[in-house]
Amino acid sequence: MNKPNAVNTNSLKISEDVIAKIVEVSVNDIKEVKEITKSKFDLTGLLLKSDCQSDIDINVNGDSVEISLGVTVDSVCKVKNVAEKIQQKIKDEVQNMTGIIVTRVNVNIDGVRFDNQ
């Protein structure tokens, strides 16, 4: 029998830092990615980023999240394929571990690293 006046007092809050750590671990598992970078420009390319900002931007919109990051990739990879791989891995890992819906993953390729670098 359902109680019409019952109030659900349970809540779960997941820190943006936790989501950023999941993103970091997920991206570091991709062999073509050399590092997560602190981009000089935001993903719209309009504003300079502050030095104190994180390398991974997490924007929470209610029950969903949008994630933005920059990366440096290996010179022998196909950049488009790696970007898509990063997007899918982040989406899968964050959603599976937290239950939070990932609406968008923005990947900015900030650099390419050659073997001699």
C-alpha atoms as a PDB file:
ATOM      1  CA  MET A   1       0.000   0.000   0.000  1.00  0.00           C
ATOM      2  CA  ASN A   2       1.469   3.348  -1.012  1.00  0.00           C
ATOM      3  CA  LYS A   3       1.504   6.193   1.437  1.00  0.00           C
ATOM      4  CA  PRO A   4       0.538   9.334  -0.434  1.00  0.00           C
ATOM      5  CA  ASN A   5       2.118  11.613   2.168  1.00  0.00           C
ATOM      6  CA  ALA A   6       5.452   9.771   2.349  1.00  0.00           C
ATOM      7  CA  VAL A   7       8.481  11.985   1.752  1.00  0.00           C
ATOM      8  CA  ASN A   8      11.712  10.657   0.281  1.00  0.00           C
ATOM      9  CA  THR A   9      14.499  12.110   2.419  1.00  0.00           C
ATOM     10  CA  ASN A  10      17.307  10.186   0.768  1.00  0.00           C
ATOM     11  CA  SER A  11      19.727  12.108  -1.409  1.00  0.00           C
ATOM     12  CA  LEU A  12      23.069  11.494  -3.004  1.00  0.00           C
ATOM     13  CA  LYS A  13      25.415  14.246  -4.063  1.00  0.00           C
ATOM     14  CA  ILE A  14      28.522  13.521  -6.099  1.00  0.00           C
ATOM     15  CA  SER A  15      31.260  16.120  -6.087  1.00  0.00           C
ATOM     16  CA  GLU A  16      32.479  17.617  -9.358  1.00  0.00           C
ATOM     17  CA  ASP A  17      35.962  16.582  -8.193  1.00  0.00           C
ATOM     18  CA  VAL A  18      34.853  12.945  -8.174  1.00  0.00           C
ATOM     19  CA  ILE A  19      33.521  13.245 -11.710  1.00  0.00           C
ATOM     20  CA  ALA A  20      36.753  14.955 -12.807  1.00  0.00           C
ATOM     21  CA  LYS A  21      38.795  12.109 -11.282  1.00  0.00           C
ATOM     22  CA  ILE A  22      36.702   9.522 -13.152  1.00  0.00           C
ATOM     23  CA  VAL A  23      37.313  11.480 -16.366  1.00  0.00           C
ATOM     24  CA  GLU A  24      41.059  11.670 -15.668  1.00  0.00           C
ATOM     25  CA  VAL A  25      41.391   7.938 -15.020  1.00  0.00           C
ATOM     26  CA  SER A  26      39.276   7.094 -18.076  1.00  0.00           C
ATOM     27  CA  VAL A  27      41.303   9.303 -20.412  1.00  0.00           C
ATOM     28  CA  ASN A  28      44.640   8.100 -19.042  1.00  0.00           C
ATOM     29  CA  ASP A  29      43.614   4.537 -20.005  1.00  0.00           C
ATOM     30  CA  ILE A  30      43.589   5.553 -23.689  1.00  0.00           C
ATOM     31  CA  LYS A  31      47.072   4.859 -25.038  1.00  0.00           C
ATOM     32  CA  GLU A  32      46.958   7.533 -27.762  1.00  0.00           C
ATOM     33  CA  VAL A  33      46.433  10.276 -25.170  1.00  0.00           C
ATOM     34  CA  LYS A  34      49.716  11.650 -23.853  1.00  0.00           C
ATOM     35  CA  GLU A  35      48.282  14.114 -21.338  1.00  0.00           C
ATOM     36  CA  ILE A  36      45.276  16.110 -20.284  1.00  0.00           C
ATOM     37  CA  THR A  37      46.131  19.743 -20.889  1.00  0.00           C
ATOM     38  CA  LYS A  38      45.151  23.103 -19.569  1.00  0.00           C
ATOM     39  CA  SER A  39      43.963  24.828 -22.691  1.00  0.00           C
ATOM     40  CA  LYS A  40      44.802  28.518 -23.158  1.00  0.00           C
ATOM     41  CA  PHE A  41      41.306  29.126 -24.529  1.00  0.00           C
ATOM     42  CA  ASP A  42      37.950  27.795 -23.489  1.00  0.00           C
ATOM     43  CA  LEU A  43      36.248  25.456 -25.947  1.00  0.00           C
ATOM     44  CA  THR A  44      34.391  28.293 -27.622  1.00  0.00           C
ATOM     45  CA  GLY A  45      37.791  29.911 -28.265  1.00  0.00           C
ATOM     46  CA  LEU A  46      36.552  33.289 -27.069  1.00  0.00           C
ATOM     47  CA  LEU A  47      37.895  33.761 -23.558  1.00  0.00           C
ATOM     48  CA  LEU A  48      41.238  33.106 -21.945  1.00  0.00           C
ATOM     49  CA  LYS A  49      41.135  30.559 -19.171  1.00  0.00           C
ATOM     50  CA  SER A  50      42.339  31.498 -15.743  1.00  0.00           C
ATOM     51  CA  ASP A  51      45.466  29.766 -14.453  1.00  0.00           C
ATOM     52  CA  CYS A  52      43.567  28.533 -11.407  1.00  0.00           C
ATOM     53  CA  GLN A  53      40.992  26.571 -13.390  1.00  0.00           C
ATOM     54  CA  SER A  54      41.098  22.793 -13.558  1.00  0.00           C
ATOM     55  CA  ASP A  55      42.180  20.944 -16.681  1.00  0.00           C
ATOM     56  CA  ILE A  56      38.728  19.314 -16.775  1.00  0.00           C
ATOM     57  CA  ASP A  57      35.578  21.455 -16.764  1.00  0.00           C
ATOM     58  CA  ILE A  58      32.455  19.915 -15.239  1.00  0.00           C
ATOM     59  CA  ASN A  59      29.151  21.748 -15.740  1.00  0.00           C
ATOM     60  CA  VAL A  60      26.243  20.269 -13.800  1.00  0.00           C
ATOM     61  CA  ASN A  61      22.795  20.977 -15.227  1.00  0.00           C
ATOM     62  CA  GLY A  62      20.250  19.507 -12.826  1.00  0.00           C
ATOM     63  CA  ASP A  63      20.508  15.718 -13.108  1.00  0.00           C
ATOM     64  CA  SER A  64      22.971  15.771 -16.001  1.00  0.00           C
ATOM     65  CA  VAL A  65      26.518  16.892 -16.647  1.00  0.00           C
ATOM     66  CA  GLU A  66      28.550  18.376 -19.497  1.00  0.00           C
ATOM     67  CA  ILE A  67      32.295  17.677 -19.532  1.00  0.00           C
ATOM     68  CA  SER A  68      35.025  19.612 -21.372  1.00  0.00           C
ATOM     69  CA  LEU A  69      38.752  18.900 -21.536  1.00  0.00           C
ATOM     70  CA  GLY A  70      41.833  19.374 -23.657  1.00  0.00           C
ATOM     71  CA  VAL A  71      44.347  16.673 -24.530  1.00  0.00           C
ATOM     72  CA  THR A  72      47.667  16.136 -26.236  1.00  0.00           C
ATOM     73  CA  VAL A  73      47.724  13.058 -28.456  1.00  0.00           C
ATOM     74  CA  ASP A  74      50.341  10.818 -30.049  1.00  0.00           C
ATOM     75  CA  SER A  75      51.465  11.914 -33.514  1.00  0.00           C
ATOM     76  CA  VAL A  76      50.726   8.541 -35.123  1.00  0.00           C
ATOM     77  CA  CYS A  77      47.036   8.444 -34.198  1.00  0.00           C
ATOM     78  CA  LYS A  78      43.977   9.467 -36.160  1.00  0.00           C
ATOM     79  CA  VAL A  79      42.869  12.493 -34.167  1.00  0.00           C
ATOM     80  CA  LYS A  80      39.157  12.230 -35.011  1.00  0.00           C
ATOM     81  CA  ASN A  81      39.046   8.568 -33.941  1.00  0.00           C
ATOM     82  CA  VAL A  82      40.854   9.301 -30.685  1.00  0.00           C
ATOM     83  CA  ALA A  83      38.532  12.218 -29.882  1.00  0.00           C
ATOM     84  CA  GLU A  84      35.484  10.006 -30.456  1.00  0.00           C
ATOM     85  CA  LYS A  85      37.050   7.259 -28.327  1.00  0.00           C
ATOM     86  CA  ILE A  86      37.656   9.755 -25.507  1.00  0.00           C
ATOM     87  CA  GLN A  87      34.079  11.022 -25.710  1.00  0.00           C
ATOM     88  CA  GLN A  88      32.565   7.543 -25.584  1.00  0.00           C
ATOM     89  CA  LYS A  89      34.830   6.288 -22.781  1.00  0.00           C
ATOM     90  CA  ILE A  90      34.135   9.319 -20.592  1.00  0.00           C
ATOM     91  CA  LYS A  91      30.399   9.071 -21.181  1.00  0.00           C
ATOM     92  CA  ASP A  92      30.312   5.346 -20.411  1.00  0.00           C
ATOM     93  CA  GLU A  93      32.516   5.525 -17.308  1.00  0.00           C
ATOM     94  CA  VAL A  94      30.826   8.539 -15.698  1.00  0.00           C
ATOM     95  CA  GLN A  95      27.326   7.207 -16.342  1.00  0.00           C
ATOM     96  CA  ASN A  96      28.187   3.677 -15.161  1.00  0.00           C
ATOM     97  CA  MET A  97      29.955   4.802 -11.995  1.00  0.00           C
ATOM     98  CA  THR A  98      27.669   7.640 -10.916  1.00  0.00           C
ATOM     99  CA  GLY A  99      24.326   7.178 -12.662  1.00  0.00           C
ATOM    100  CA  ILE A 100      24.549  10.809 -13.807  1.00  0.00           C
ATOM    101  CA  ILE A 101      23.559  11.386 -17.429  1.00  0.00           C
ATOM    102  CA  VAL A 102      26.362  12.829 -19.562  1.00  0.00           C
ATOM    103  CA  THR A 103      24.757  15.117 -22.125  1.00  0.00           C
ATOM    104  CA  ARG A 104      27.942  16.263 -23.847  1.00  0.00           C
ATOM    105  CA  VAL A 105      31.693  15.613 -23.854  1.00  0.00           C
ATOM    106  CA  ASN A 106      33.749  18.367 -25.491  1.00  0.00           C
ATOM    107  CA  VAL A 107      37.281  17.331 -26.448  1.00  0.00           C
ATOM    108  CA  ASN A 108      39.796  19.943 -27.552  1.00  0.00           C
ATOM    109  CA  ILE A 109      42.976  18.572 -29.158  1.00  0.00           C
ATOM    110  CA  ASP A 110      45.534  21.052 -27.809  1.00  0.00           C
ATOM    111  CA  GLY A 111      48.636  19.381 -29.163  1.00  0.00           C
ATOM    112  CA  VAL A 112      50.371  16.502 -30.831  1.00  0.00           C
ATOM    113  CA  ARG A 113      53.393  14.845 -29.281  1.00  0.00           C
ATOM    114  CA  PHE A 114      56.048  13.309 -31.489  1.00  0.00           C
ATOM    115  CA  ASP A 115      58.270  10.444 -30.317  1.00  0.00           C
ATOM    116  CA  ASN A 116      61.271  12.721 -29.753  1.00  0.00           C
ATOM    117  CA  GLN A 117      59.359  15.086 -27.427  1.00  0.00           C
END
